[in-house]
Amino acid sequence: MRKTTDKRFTTKHKSVIIYLQQRQQIDDSLLVLINNLTLEDLIALKLELSAKNINNRLFGLDMWRKTSYIMKEAMLMFAISTTQSKKDAARFLGLTYLDFKKALKKFEVDNYFLNKEEKKK
């Protein structure tokens, strides 16, 4: 007897929040604090923290051109975590399903939600 699965719900149970909570990188109090910030504030804060780690030596990093890459990856992760299927995620982003699949492969977003054991396979 063959095991059947409902393939319509390909992104179900994929959440960035749950993933980071399971890895104990965030908790509910941090989520409340983040919720009070604008997206622009959050991005600027992350960039400032990153710059401090390298003594503000951001010279030579092509930040302006890499911004769209970073945002597209984040949008893909968001679409996957808030929709029930990859087709829904593609529609949410205004992409064709083929373009969505190409983006998933380019940004390796599917790998983000795998645990360490599954990544090794």
PDB file of N, CA and C in Angstrom:
ATOM      1  N   MET A   1       0.832  -1.171   0.000  1.00  0.00           N
ATOM      2  CA  MET A   1       0.000   0.000   0.000  1.00  0.00           C
ATOM      3  C   MET A   1       0.884   1.244   0.000  1.00  0.00           C
ATOM      4  N   ARG A   2       0.554   2.178  -0.847  1.00  0.00           N
ATOM      5  CA  ARG A   2       1.353   3.380  -1.000  1.00  0.00           C
ATOM      6  C   ARG A   2       0.931   4.463  -0.010  1.00  0.00           C
ATOM      7  N   LYS A   3       1.887   5.153   0.494  1.00  0.00           N
ATOM      8  CA  LYS A   3       1.612   6.244   1.413  1.00  0.00           C
ATOM      9  C   LYS A   3       1.275   7.483   0.586  1.00  0.00           C
ATOM     10  N   THR A   4       0.148   8.085   0.842  1.00  0.00           N
ATOM     11  CA  THR A   4      -0.231   9.274   0.091  1.00  0.00           C
ATOM     12  C   THR A   4      -0.106  10.501   0.976  1.00  0.00           C
ATOM     13  N   THR A   5       0.309  11.582   0.360  1.00  0.00           N
ATOM     14  CA  THR A   5       0.399  12.850   1.067  1.00  0.00           C
ATOM     15  C   THR A   5      -0.318  13.905   0.250  1.00  0.00           C
ATOM     16  N   ASP A   6      -0.807  14.893   0.922  1.00  0.00           N
ATOM     17  CA  ASP A   6      -1.479  15.987   0.250  1.00  0.00           C
ATOM     18  C   ASP A   6      -0.410  16.963  -0.226  1.00  0.00           C
ATOM     19  N   LYS A   7      -0.143  16.986  -1.517  1.00  0.00           N
ATOM     20  CA  LYS A   7       0.932  17.810  -2.062  1.00  0.00           C
ATOM     21  C   LYS A   7       0.531  19.270  -2.230  1.00  0.00           C
ATOM     22  N   ARG A   8      -0.722  19.596  -1.947  1.00  0.00           N
ATOM     23  CA  ARG A   8      -1.151  20.986  -2.070  1.00  0.00           C
ATOM     24  C   ARG A   8      -0.538  21.855  -0.977  1.00  0.00           C
ATOM     25  N   PHE A   9      -0.230  21.278   0.166  1.00  0.00           N
ATOM     26  CA  PHE A   9       0.260  22.039   1.297  1.00  0.00           C
ATOM     27  C   PHE A   9       1.768  21.855   1.449  1.00  0.00           C
ATOM     28  N   THR A  10       2.516  22.348   0.482  1.00  0.00           N
ATOM     29  CA  THR A  10       3.957  22.117   0.457  1.00  0.00           C
ATOM     30  C   THR A  10       4.733  23.055   1.359  1.00  0.00           C
ATOM     31  N   THR A  11       4.127  24.142   1.805  1.00  0.00           N
ATOM     32  CA  THR A  11       4.847  25.049   2.697  1.00  0.00           C
ATOM     33  C   THR A  11       4.249  25.066   4.087  1.00  0.00           C
ATOM     34  N   LYS A  12       3.306  24.203   4.340  1.00  0.00           N
ATOM     35  CA  LYS A  12       2.666  24.152   5.653  1.00  0.00           C
ATOM     36  C   LYS A  12       3.705  23.786   6.717  1.00  0.00           C
ATOM     37  N   HIS A  13       3.596  24.392   7.853  1.00  0.00           N
ATOM     38  CA  HIS A  13       4.485  24.153   8.998  1.00  0.00           C
ATOM     39  C   HIS A  13       5.898  24.685   8.775  1.00  0.00           C
ATOM     40  N   LYS A  14       6.064  25.619   7.863  1.00  0.00           N
ATOM     41  CA  LYS A  14       7.361  26.267   7.694  1.00  0.00           C
ATOM     42  C   LYS A  14       7.199  27.702   8.150  1.00  0.00           C
ATOM     43  N   SER A  15       7.839  28.032   9.241  1.00  0.00           N
ATOM     44  CA  SER A  15       7.748  29.373   9.798  1.00  0.00           C
ATOM     45  C   SER A  15       9.130  29.804  10.259  1.00  0.00           C
ATOM     46  N   VAL A  16       9.520  31.000   9.882  1.00  0.00           N
ATOM     47  CA  VAL A  16      10.814  31.528  10.309  1.00  0.00           C
ATOM     48  C   VAL A  16      10.820  31.709  11.823  1.00  0.00           C
ATOM     49  N   ILE A  17       9.705  32.183  12.359  1.00  0.00           N
ATOM     50  CA  ILE A  17       9.625  32.399  13.815  1.00  0.00           C
ATOM     51  C   ILE A  17       9.790  31.083  14.563  1.00  0.00           C
ATOM     52  N   ILE A  18       9.037  30.072  14.163  1.00  0.00           N
ATOM     53  CA  ILE A  18       9.136  28.768  14.835  1.00  0.00           C
ATOM     54  C   ILE A  18      10.537  28.180  14.674  1.00  0.00           C
ATOM     55  N   TYR A  19      11.096  28.298  13.480  1.00  0.00           N
ATOM     56  CA  TYR A  19      12.438  27.779  13.222  1.00  0.00           C
ATOM     57  C   TYR A  19      13.462  28.429  14.156  1.00  0.00           C
ATOM     58  N   LEU A  20      13.415  29.757  14.279  1.00  0.00           N
ATOM     59  CA  LEU A  20      14.378  30.456  15.134  1.00  0.00           C
ATOM     60  C   LEU A  20      14.115  30.201  16.614  1.00  0.00           C
ATOM     61  N   GLN A  21      12.845  30.008  17.000  1.00  0.00           N
ATOM     62  CA  GLN A  21      12.538  29.662  18.391  1.00  0.00           C
ATOM     63  C   GLN A  21      13.058  28.272  18.732  1.00  0.00           C
ATOM     64  N   GLN A  22      12.920  27.336  17.814  1.00  0.00           N
ATOM     65  CA  GLN A  22      13.431  25.982  18.054  1.00  0.00           C
ATOM     66  C   GLN A  22      14.945  25.971  18.192  1.00  0.00           C
ATOM     67  N   ARG A  23      15.610  26.861  17.478  1.00  0.00           N
ATOM     68  CA  ARG A  23      17.069  26.969  17.586  1.00  0.00           C
ATOM     69  C   ARG A  23      17.470  27.856  18.765  1.00  0.00           C
ATOM     70  N   GLN A  24      16.483  28.323  19.526  1.00  0.00           N
ATOM     71  CA  GLN A  24      16.667  29.177  20.702  1.00  0.00           C
ATOM     72  C   GLN A  24      17.425  30.461  20.379  1.00  0.00           C
ATOM     73  N   GLN A  25      17.141  31.023  19.200  1.00  0.00           N
ATOM     74  CA  GLN A  25      17.760  32.290  18.820  1.00  0.00           C
ATOM     75  C   GLN A  25      16.852  33.476  19.117  1.00  0.00           C
ATOM     76  N   ILE A  26      15.554  33.221  19.281  1.00  0.00           N
ATOM     77  CA  ILE A  26      14.613  34.282  19.643  1.00  0.00           C
ATOM     78  C   ILE A  26      13.625  33.737  20.663  1.00  0.00           C
ATOM     79  N   ASP A  27      12.988  34.661  21.385  1.00  0.00           N
ATOM     80  CA  ASP A  27      11.909  34.275  22.297  1.00  0.00           C
ATOM     81  C   ASP A  27      10.770  35.283  22.144  1.00  0.00           C
ATOM     82  N   ASP A  28       9.695  35.074  22.877  1.00  0.00           N
ATOM     83  CA  ASP A  28       8.515  35.921  22.734  1.00  0.00           C
ATOM     84  C   ASP A  28       8.786  37.377  23.091  1.00  0.00           C
ATOM     85  N   SER A  29       9.623  37.626  24.074  1.00  0.00           N
ATOM     86  CA  SER A  29       9.910  39.012  24.464  1.00  0.00           C
ATOM     87  C   SER A  29      10.655  39.752  23.346  1.00  0.00           C
ATOM     88  N   LEU A  30      11.555  39.062  22.658  1.00  0.00           N
ATOM     89  CA  LEU A  30      12.247  39.684  21.532  1.00  0.00           C
ATOM     90  C   LEU A  30      11.276  39.965  20.389  1.00  0.00           C
ATOM     91  N   LEU A  31      10.340  39.061  20.157  1.00  0.00           N
ATOM     92  CA  LEU A  31       9.347  39.280  19.107  1.00  0.00           C
ATOM     93  C   LEU A  31       8.492  40.509  19.400  1.00  0.00           C
ATOM     94  N   VAL A  32       8.166  40.731  20.656  1.00  0.00           N
ATOM     95  CA  VAL A  32       7.396  41.923  21.026  1.00  0.00           C
ATOM     96  C   VAL A  32       8.207  43.178  20.730  1.00  0.00           C
ATOM     97  N   LEU A  33       9.484  43.159  21.075  1.00  0.00           N
ATOM     98  CA  LEU A  33      10.347  44.312  20.812  1.00  0.00           C
ATOM     99  C   LEU A  33      10.492  44.561  19.311  1.00  0.00           C
ATOM    100  N   ILE A  34      10.695  43.506  18.547  1.00  0.00           N
ATOM    101  CA  ILE A  34      10.833  43.630  17.089  1.00  0.00           C
ATOM    102  C   ILE A  34       9.549  44.172  16.476  1.00  0.00           C
ATOM    103  N   ASN A  35       8.424  43.742  16.994  1.00  0.00           N
ATOM    104  CA  ASN A  35       7.133  44.183  16.464  1.00  0.00           C
ATOM    105  C   ASN A  35       6.933  45.691  16.612  1.00  0.00           C
ATOM    106  N   ASN A  36       7.603  46.307  17.580  1.00  0.00           N
ATOM    107  CA  ASN A  36       7.480  47.749  17.801  1.00  0.00           C
ATOM    108  C   ASN A  36       8.397  48.568  16.887  1.00  0.00           C
ATOM    109  N   LEU A  37       9.240  47.919  16.105  1.00  0.00           N
ATOM    110  CA  LEU A  37      10.148  48.614  15.193  1.00  0.00           C
ATOM    111  C   LEU A  37       9.589  48.604  13.779  1.00  0.00           C
ATOM    112  N   THR A  38       9.950  49.620  13.014  1.00  0.00           N
ATOM    113  CA  THR A  38       9.611  49.595  11.593  1.00  0.00           C
ATOM    114  C   THR A  38      10.615  48.695  10.892  1.00  0.00           C
ATOM    115  N   LEU A  39      10.284  48.273   9.697  1.00  0.00           N
ATOM    116  CA  LEU A  39      11.192  47.435   8.926  1.00  0.00           C
ATOM    117  C   LEU A  39      12.497  48.182   8.638  1.00  0.00           C
ATOM    118  N   GLU A  40      12.381  49.464   8.356  1.00  0.00           N
ATOM    119  CA  GLU A  40      13.569  50.283   8.085  1.00  0.00           C
ATOM    120  C   GLU A  40      14.470  50.361   9.315  1.00  0.00           C
ATOM    121  N   ASP A  41      13.853  50.546  10.491  1.00  0.00           N
ATOM    122  CA  ASP A  41      14.628  50.584  11.735  1.00  0.00           C
ATOM    123  C   ASP A  41      15.328  49.260  11.986  1.00  0.00           C
ATOM    124  N   LEU A  42      14.621  48.184  11.739  1.00  0.00           N
ATOM    125  CA  LEU A  42      15.177  46.856  11.969  1.00  0.00           C
ATOM    126  C   LEU A  42      16.370  46.589  11.038  1.00  0.00           C
ATOM    127  N   ILE A  43      16.243  46.967   9.785  1.00  0.00           N
ATOM    128  CA  ILE A  43      17.338  46.776   8.826  1.00  0.00           C
ATOM    129  C   ILE A  43      18.539  47.639   9.216  1.00  0.00           C
ATOM    130  N   ALA A  44      18.288  48.901   9.549  1.00  0.00           N
ATOM    131  CA  ALA A  44      19.377  49.793   9.954  1.00  0.00           C
ATOM    132  C   ALA A  44      20.063  49.290  11.219  1.00  0.00           C
ATOM    133  N   LEU A  45      19.278  48.789  12.149  1.00  0.00           N
ATOM    134  CA  LEU A  45      19.827  48.239  13.388  1.00  0.00           C
ATOM    135  C   LEU A  45      20.728  47.039  13.101  1.00  0.00           C
ATOM    136  N   LYS A  46      20.262  46.132  12.264  1.00  0.00           N
ATOM    137  CA  LYS A  46      21.056  44.948  11.917  1.00  0.00           C
ATOM    138  C   LYS A  46      22.348  45.351  11.207  1.00  0.00           C
ATOM    139  N   LEU A  47      22.265  46.311  10.304  1.00  0.00           N
ATOM    140  CA  LEU A  47      23.478  46.767   9.603  1.00  0.00           C
ATOM    141  C   LEU A  47      24.464  47.411  10.577  1.00  0.00           C
ATOM    142  N   GLU A  48      23.940  48.205  11.512  1.00  0.00           N
ATOM    143  CA  GLU A  48      24.817  48.835  12.495  1.00  0.00           C
ATOM    144  C   GLU A  48      25.496  47.799  13.382  1.00  0.00           C
ATOM    145  N   LEU A  49      24.748  46.801  13.824  1.00  0.00           N
ATOM    146  CA  LEU A  49      25.342  45.738  14.640  1.00  0.00           C
ATOM    147  C   LEU A  49      26.400  44.958  13.862  1.00  0.00           C
ATOM    148  N   SER A  50      26.113  44.699  12.601  1.00  0.00           N
ATOM    149  CA  SER A  50      27.082  43.985  11.761  1.00  0.00           C
ATOM    150  C   SER A  50      28.344  44.811  11.561  1.00  0.00           C
ATOM    151  N   ALA A  51      28.185  46.106  11.390  1.00  0.00           N
ATOM    152  CA  ALA A  51      29.342  46.986  11.192  1.00  0.00           C
ATOM    153  C   ALA A  51      30.212  47.036  12.450  1.00  0.00           C
ATOM    154  N   LYS A  52      29.588  47.005  13.607  1.00  0.00           N
ATOM    155  CA  LYS A  52      30.359  47.034  14.855  1.00  0.00           C
ATOM    156  C   LYS A  52      31.252  45.802  14.980  1.00  0.00           C
ATOM    157  N   ASN A  53      30.771  44.667  14.494  1.00  0.00           N
ATOM    158  CA  ASN A  53      31.554  43.431  14.581  1.00  0.00           C
ATOM    159  C   ASN A  53      32.821  43.479  13.750  1.00  0.00           C
ATOM    160  N   ILE A  54      32.840  44.329  12.735  1.00  0.00           N
ATOM    161  CA  ILE A  54      34.037  44.428  11.893  1.00  0.00           C
ATOM    162  C   ILE A  54      34.663  45.819  11.994  1.00  0.00           C
ATOM    163  N   ASN A  55      34.468  46.467  13.133  1.00  0.00           N
ATOM    164  CA  ASN A  55      35.043  47.784  13.432  1.00  0.00           C
ATOM    165  C   ASN A  55      34.682  48.842  12.387  1.00  0.00           C
ATOM    166  N   ASN A  56      33.440  48.797  11.921  1.00  0.00           N
ATOM    167  CA  ASN A  56      32.917  49.770  10.952  1.00  0.00           C
ATOM    168  C   ASN A  56      33.707  49.820   9.646  1.00  0.00           C
ATOM    169  N   ARG A  57      34.359  48.739   9.292  1.00  0.00           N
ATOM    170  CA  ARG A  57      35.124  48.684   8.044  1.00  0.00           C
ATOM    171  C   ARG A  57      34.288  48.021   6.956  1.00  0.00           C
ATOM    172  N   LEU A  58      33.336  48.771   6.457  1.00  0.00           N
ATOM    173  CA  LEU A  58      32.455  48.258   5.416  1.00  0.00           C
ATOM    174  C   LEU A  58      32.944  48.620   4.022  1.00  0.00           C
ATOM    175  N   PHE A  59      34.123  49.211   3.926  1.00  0.00           N
ATOM    176  CA  PHE A  59      34.643  49.609   2.631  1.00  0.00           C
ATOM    177  C   PHE A  59      34.862  48.391   1.751  1.00  0.00           C
ATOM    178  N   GLY A  60      34.504  48.502   0.502  1.00  0.00           N
ATOM    179  CA  GLY A  60      34.695  47.398  -0.434  1.00  0.00           C
ATOM    180  C   GLY A  60      33.512  46.450  -0.507  1.00  0.00           C
ATOM    181  N   LEU A  61      32.573  46.557   0.439  1.00  0.00           N
ATOM    182  CA  LEU A  61      31.376  45.733   0.370  1.00  0.00           C
ATOM    183  C   LEU A  61      30.348  46.453  -0.486  1.00  0.00           C
ATOM    184  N   ASP A  62      29.820  45.775  -1.449  1.00  0.00           N
ATOM    185  CA  ASP A  62      28.881  46.377  -2.387  1.00  0.00           C
ATOM    186  C   ASP A  62      27.465  46.325  -1.800  1.00  0.00           C
ATOM    187  N   MET A  63      27.271  47.054  -0.713  1.00  0.00           N
ATOM    188  CA  MET A  63      26.015  47.010   0.032  1.00  0.00           C
ATOM    189  C   MET A  63      24.820  47.436  -0.820  1.00  0.00           C
ATOM    190  N   TRP A  64      24.986  48.480  -1.601  1.00  0.00           N
ATOM    191  CA  TRP A  64      23.857  49.015  -2.357  1.00  0.00           C
ATOM    192  C   TRP A  64      23.323  47.993  -3.359  1.00  0.00           C
ATOM    193  N   ARG A  65      24.205  47.323  -4.056  1.00  0.00           N
ATOM    194  CA  ARG A  65      23.771  46.357  -5.068  1.00  0.00           C
ATOM    195  C   ARG A  65      23.304  45.036  -4.450  1.00  0.00           C
ATOM    196  N   LYS A  66      23.816  44.686  -3.298  1.00  0.00           N
ATOM    197  CA  LYS A  66      23.429  43.435  -2.635  1.00  0.00           C
ATOM    198  C   LYS A  66      22.096  43.549  -1.906  1.00  0.00           C
ATOM    199  N   THR A  67      21.622  44.761  -1.698  1.00  0.00           N
ATOM    200  CA  THR A  67      20.376  44.973  -0.957  1.00  0.00           C
ATOM    201  C   THR A  67      19.204  44.267  -1.625  1.00  0.00           C
ATOM    202  N   SER A  68      19.087  44.337  -2.928  1.00  0.00           N
ATOM    203  CA  SER A  68      17.945  43.696  -3.596  1.00  0.00           C
ATOM    204  C   SER A  68      18.012  42.179  -3.440  1.00  0.00           C
ATOM    205  N   TYR A  69      19.201  41.610  -3.449  1.00  0.00           N
ATOM    206  CA  TYR A  69      19.374  40.167  -3.256  1.00  0.00           C
ATOM    207  C   TYR A  69      18.881  39.770  -1.865  1.00  0.00           C
ATOM    208  N   ILE A  70      19.282  40.528  -0.865  1.00  0.00           N
ATOM    209  CA  ILE A  70      18.901  40.245   0.519  1.00  0.00           C
ATOM    210  C   ILE A  70      17.386  40.361   0.692  1.00  0.00           C
ATOM    211  N   MET A  71      16.798  41.397   0.122  1.00  0.00           N
ATOM    212  CA  MET A  71      15.352  41.608   0.249  1.00  0.00           C
ATOM    213  C   MET A  71      14.569  40.515  -0.475  1.00  0.00           C
ATOM    214  N   LYS A  72      15.034  40.097  -1.637  1.00  0.00           N
ATOM    215  CA  LYS A  72      14.334  39.039  -2.376  1.00  0.00           C
ATOM    216  C   LYS A  72      14.376  37.727  -1.600  1.00  0.00           C
ATOM    217  N   GLU A  73      15.507  37.436  -1.003  1.00  0.00           N
ATOM    218  CA  GLU A  73      15.611  36.215  -0.199  1.00  0.00           C
ATOM    219  C   GLU A  73      14.658  36.279   0.990  1.00  0.00           C
ATOM    220  N   ALA A  74      14.596  37.424   1.660  1.00  0.00           N
ATOM    221  CA  ALA A  74      13.695  37.592   2.796  1.00  0.00           C
ATOM    222  C   ALA A  74      12.235  37.480   2.360  1.00  0.00           C
ATOM    223  N   MET A  75      11.898  38.040   1.209  1.00  0.00           N
ATOM    224  CA  MET A  75      10.525  37.962   0.705  1.00  0.00           C
ATOM    225  C   MET A  75      10.145  36.511   0.383  1.00  0.00           C
ATOM    226  N   LEU A  76      11.073  35.752  -0.178  1.00  0.00           N
ATOM    227  CA  LEU A  76      10.813  34.334  -0.446  1.00  0.00           C
ATOM    228  C   LEU A  76      10.566  33.575   0.856  1.00  0.00           C
ATOM    229  N   MET A  77      11.392  33.823   1.859  1.00  0.00           N
ATOM    230  CA  MET A  77      11.222  33.153   3.145  1.00  0.00           C
ATOM    231  C   MET A  77       9.881  33.521   3.766  1.00  0.00           C
ATOM    232  N   PHE A  78       9.507  34.794   3.667  1.00  0.00           N
ATOM    233  CA  PHE A  78       8.223  35.243   4.207  1.00  0.00           C
ATOM    234  C   PHE A  78       7.058  34.589   3.462  1.00  0.00           C
ATOM    235  N   ALA A  79       7.128  34.557   2.147  1.00  0.00           N
ATOM    236  CA  ALA A  79       6.045  33.976   1.353  1.00  0.00           C
ATOM    237  C   ALA A  79       5.866  32.497   1.676  1.00  0.00           C
ATOM    238  N   ILE A  80       6.952  31.784   1.834  1.00  0.00           N
ATOM    239  CA  ILE A  80       6.866  30.357   2.156  1.00  0.00           C
ATOM    240  C   ILE A  80       6.276  30.148   3.548  1.00  0.00           C
ATOM    241  N   SER A  81       6.653  31.008   4.491  1.00  0.00           N
ATOM    242  CA  SER A  81       6.182  30.800   5.865  1.00  0.00           C
ATOM    243  C   SER A  81       4.745  31.259   6.083  1.00  0.00           C
ATOM    244  N   THR A  82       4.175  32.039   5.166  1.00  0.00           N
ATOM    245  CA  THR A  82       2.822  32.548   5.383  1.00  0.00           C
ATOM    246  C   THR A  82       1.786  31.987   4.418  1.00  0.00           C
ATOM    247  N   THR A  83       2.189  31.145   3.497  1.00  0.00           N
ATOM    248  CA  THR A  83       1.232  30.547   2.564  1.00  0.00           C
ATOM    249  C   THR A  83       1.221  29.035   2.761  1.00  0.00           C
ATOM    250  N   GLN A  84       0.234  28.373   2.148  1.00  0.00           N
ATOM    251  CA  GLN A  84       0.100  26.935   2.354  1.00  0.00           C
ATOM    252  C   GLN A  84       0.706  26.105   1.235  1.00  0.00           C
ATOM    253  N   SER A  85       1.091  26.726   0.144  1.00  0.00           N
ATOM    254  CA  SER A  85       1.717  25.970  -0.932  1.00  0.00           C
ATOM    255  C   SER A  85       2.680  26.865  -1.682  1.00  0.00           C
ATOM    256  N   LYS A  86       3.539  26.249  -2.451  1.00  0.00           N
ATOM    257  CA  LYS A  86       4.492  27.020  -3.244  1.00  0.00           C
ATOM    258  C   LYS A  86       3.776  27.810  -4.331  1.00  0.00           C
ATOM    259  N   LYS A  87       2.702  27.256  -4.866  1.00  0.00           N
ATOM    260  CA  LYS A  87       1.930  27.997  -5.872  1.00  0.00           C
ATOM    261  C   LYS A  87       1.291  29.233  -5.249  1.00  0.00           C
ATOM    262  N   ASP A  88       0.781  29.101  -4.024  1.00  0.00           N
ATOM    263  CA  ASP A  88       0.239  30.267  -3.322  1.00  0.00           C
ATOM    264  C   ASP A  88       1.328  31.307  -3.066  1.00  0.00           C
ATOM    265  N   ALA A  89       2.500  30.850  -2.695  1.00  0.00           N
ATOM    266  CA  ALA A  89       3.619  31.762  -2.442  1.00  0.00           C
ATOM    267  C   ALA A  89       4.002  32.501  -3.720  1.00  0.00           C
ATOM    268  N   ALA A  90       4.021  31.787  -4.847  1.00  0.00           N
ATOM    269  CA  ALA A  90       4.334  32.421  -6.132  1.00  0.00           C
ATOM    270  C   ALA A  90       3.297  33.489  -6.462  1.00  0.00           C
ATOM    271  N   ARG A  91       2.031  33.148  -6.287  1.00  0.00           N
ATOM    272  CA  ARG A  91       0.962  34.127  -6.553  1.00  0.00           C
ATOM    273  C   ARG A  91       1.072  35.329  -5.619  1.00  0.00           C
ATOM    274  N   PHE A  92       1.389  35.073  -4.357  1.00  0.00           N
ATOM    275  CA  PHE A  92       1.537  36.144  -3.374  1.00  0.00           C
ATOM    276  C   PHE A  92       2.610  37.144  -3.808  1.00  0.00           C
ATOM    277  N   LEU A  93       3.701  36.623  -4.357  1.00  0.00           N
ATOM    278  CA  LEU A  93       4.813  37.477  -4.783  1.00  0.00           C
ATOM    279  C   LEU A  93       4.625  38.051  -6.183  1.00  0.00           C
ATOM    280  N   GLY A  94       3.590  37.595  -6.884  1.00  0.00           N
ATOM    281  CA  GLY A  94       3.359  38.078  -8.241  1.00  0.00           C
ATOM    282  C   GLY A  94       4.286  37.451  -9.266  1.00  0.00           C
ATOM    283  N   LEU A  95       4.738  36.221  -8.981  1.00  0.00           N
ATOM    284  CA  LEU A  95       5.637  35.498  -9.881  1.00  0.00           C
ATOM    285  C   LEU A  95       4.902  34.341 -10.533  1.00  0.00           C
ATOM    286  N   THR A  96       5.384  33.944 -11.701  1.00  0.00           N
ATOM    287  CA  THR A  96       4.894  32.694 -12.255  1.00  0.00           C
ATOM    288  C   THR A  96       5.495  31.574 -11.426  1.00  0.00           C
ATOM    289  N   TYR A  97       4.882  30.407 -11.477  1.00  0.00           N
ATOM    290  CA  TYR A  97       5.400  29.292 -10.687  1.00  0.00           C
ATOM    291  C   TYR A  97       6.812  28.911 -11.140  1.00  0.00           C
ATOM    292  N   LEU A  98       7.074  28.996 -12.431  1.00  0.00           N
ATOM    293  CA  LEU A  98       8.408  28.682 -12.954  1.00  0.00           C
ATOM    294  C   LEU A  98       9.442  29.668 -12.418  1.00  0.00           C
ATOM    295  N   ASP A  99       9.123  30.967 -12.439  1.00  0.00           N
ATOM    296  CA  ASP A  99      10.045  31.973 -11.895  1.00  0.00           C
ATOM    297  C   ASP A  99      10.247  31.782 -10.394  1.00  0.00           C
ATOM    298  N   PHE A 100       9.187  31.401  -9.697  1.00  0.00           N
ATOM    299  CA  PHE A 100       9.281  31.140  -8.264  1.00  0.00           C
ATOM    300  C   PHE A 100      10.222  29.977  -7.983  1.00  0.00           C
ATOM    301  N   LYS A 101      10.087  28.884  -8.748  1.00  0.00           N
ATOM    302  CA  LYS A 101      10.969  27.727  -8.557  1.00  0.00           C
ATOM    303  C   LYS A 101      12.422  28.087  -8.844  1.00  0.00           C
ATOM    304  N   LYS A 102      12.651  28.919  -9.856  1.00  0.00           N
ATOM    305  CA  LYS A 102      14.022  29.368 -10.162  1.00  0.00           C
ATOM    306  C   LYS A 102      14.585  30.197  -9.009  1.00  0.00           C
ATOM    307  N   ALA A 103      13.737  31.057  -8.448  1.00  0.00           N
ATOM    308  CA  ALA A 103      14.177  31.882  -7.315  1.00  0.00           C
ATOM    309  C   ALA A 103      14.493  31.017  -6.103  1.00  0.00           C
ATOM    310  N   LEU A 104      13.660  30.010  -5.835  1.00  0.00           N
ATOM    311  CA  LEU A 104      13.932  29.100  -4.712  1.00  0.00           C
ATOM    312  C   LEU A 104      15.280  28.418  -4.870  1.00  0.00           C
ATOM    313  N   LYS A 105      15.563  28.000  -6.093  1.00  0.00           N
ATOM    314  CA  LYS A 105      16.839  27.330  -6.347  1.00  0.00           C
ATOM    315  C   LYS A 105      17.999  28.309  -6.209  1.00  0.00           C
ATOM    316  N   LYS A 106      17.840  29.514  -6.740  1.00  0.00           N
ATOM    317  CA  LYS A 106      18.905  30.520  -6.689  1.00  0.00           C
ATOM    318  C   LYS A 106      19.227  30.921  -5.254  1.00  0.00           C
ATOM    319  N   PHE A 107      18.196  31.165  -4.448  1.00  0.00           N
ATOM    320  CA  PHE A 107      18.398  31.652  -3.087  1.00  0.00           C
ATOM    321  C   PHE A 107      18.503  30.529  -2.054  1.00  0.00           C
ATOM    322  N   GLU A 108      18.266  29.275  -2.467  1.00  0.00           N
ATOM    323  CA  GLU A 108      18.350  28.107  -1.592  1.00  0.00           C
ATOM    324  C   GLU A 108      17.487  28.256  -0.337  1.00  0.00           C
ATOM    325  N   VAL A 109      16.295  28.789  -0.524  1.00  0.00           N
ATOM    326  CA  VAL A 109      15.403  29.046   0.605  1.00  0.00           C
ATOM    327  C   VAL A 109      14.864  27.750   1.193  1.00  0.00           C
ATOM    328  N   ASP A 110      14.615  26.739   0.368  1.00  0.00           N
ATOM    329  CA  ASP A 110      14.117  25.467   0.895  1.00  0.00           C
ATOM    330  C   ASP A 110      15.077  24.872   1.918  1.00  0.00           C
ATOM    331  N   ASN A 111      16.365  25.046   1.711  1.00  0.00           N
ATOM    332  CA  ASN A 111      17.365  24.514   2.633  1.00  0.00           C
ATOM    333  C   ASN A 111      17.312  25.199   3.995  1.00  0.00           C
ATOM    334  N   TYR A 112      16.827  26.413   4.047  1.00  0.00           N
ATOM    335  CA  TYR A 112      16.785  27.165   5.305  1.00  0.00           C
ATOM    336  C   TYR A 112      15.935  26.458   6.355  1.00  0.00           C
ATOM    337  N   PHE A 113      14.831  25.851   5.919  1.00  0.00           N
ATOM    338  CA  PHE A 113      13.900  25.241   6.853  1.00  0.00           C
ATOM    339  C   PHE A 113      14.263  23.805   7.217  1.00  0.00           C
ATOM    340  N   LEU A 114      15.277  23.229   6.607  1.00  0.00           N
ATOM    341  CA  LEU A 114      15.688  21.878   6.944  1.00  0.00           C
ATOM    342  C   LEU A 114      16.514  21.894   8.220  1.00  0.00           C
ATOM    343  N   ASN A 115      16.386  20.833   9.013  1.00  0.00           N
ATOM    344  CA  ASN A 115      17.240  20.764  10.190  1.00  0.00           C
ATOM    345  C   ASN A 115      18.605  20.239   9.770  1.00  0.00           C
ATOM    346  N   LYS A 116      19.547  20.219  10.650  1.00  0.00           N
ATOM    347  CA  LYS A 116      20.936  19.877  10.320  1.00  0.00           C
ATOM    348  C   LYS A 116      21.064  18.469   9.737  1.00  0.00           C
ATOM    349  N   GLU A 117      20.305  17.523  10.251  1.00  0.00           N
ATOM    350  CA  GLU A 117      20.393  16.140   9.755  1.00  0.00           C
ATOM    351  C   GLU A 117      19.900  16.035   8.302  1.00  0.00           C
ATOM    352  N   GLU A 118      18.840  16.749   7.990  1.00  0.00           N
ATOM    353  CA  GLU A 118      18.301  16.689   6.640  1.00  0.00           C
ATOM    354  C   GLU A 118      19.228  17.376   5.645  1.00  0.00           C
ATOM    355  N   LYS A 119      19.963  18.418   6.071  1.00  0.00           N
ATOM    356  CA  LYS A 119      20.879  19.138   5.190  1.00  0.00           C
ATOM    357  C   LYS A 119      22.055  18.273   4.775  1.00  0.00           C
ATOM    358  N   LYS A 120      22.464  17.347   5.650  1.00  0.00           N
ATOM    359  CA  LYS A 120      23.626  16.511   5.377  1.00  0.00           C
ATOM    360  C   LYS A 120      23.356  15.486   4.286  1.00  0.00           C
ATOM    361  N   LYS A 121      22.098  15.119   4.085  1.00  0.00           N
ATOM    362  CA  LYS A 121      21.748  14.080   3.105  1.00  0.00           C
ATOM    363  C   LYS A 121      21.968  14.524   1.692  1.00  0.00           C
TER     364      LYS A 121
END
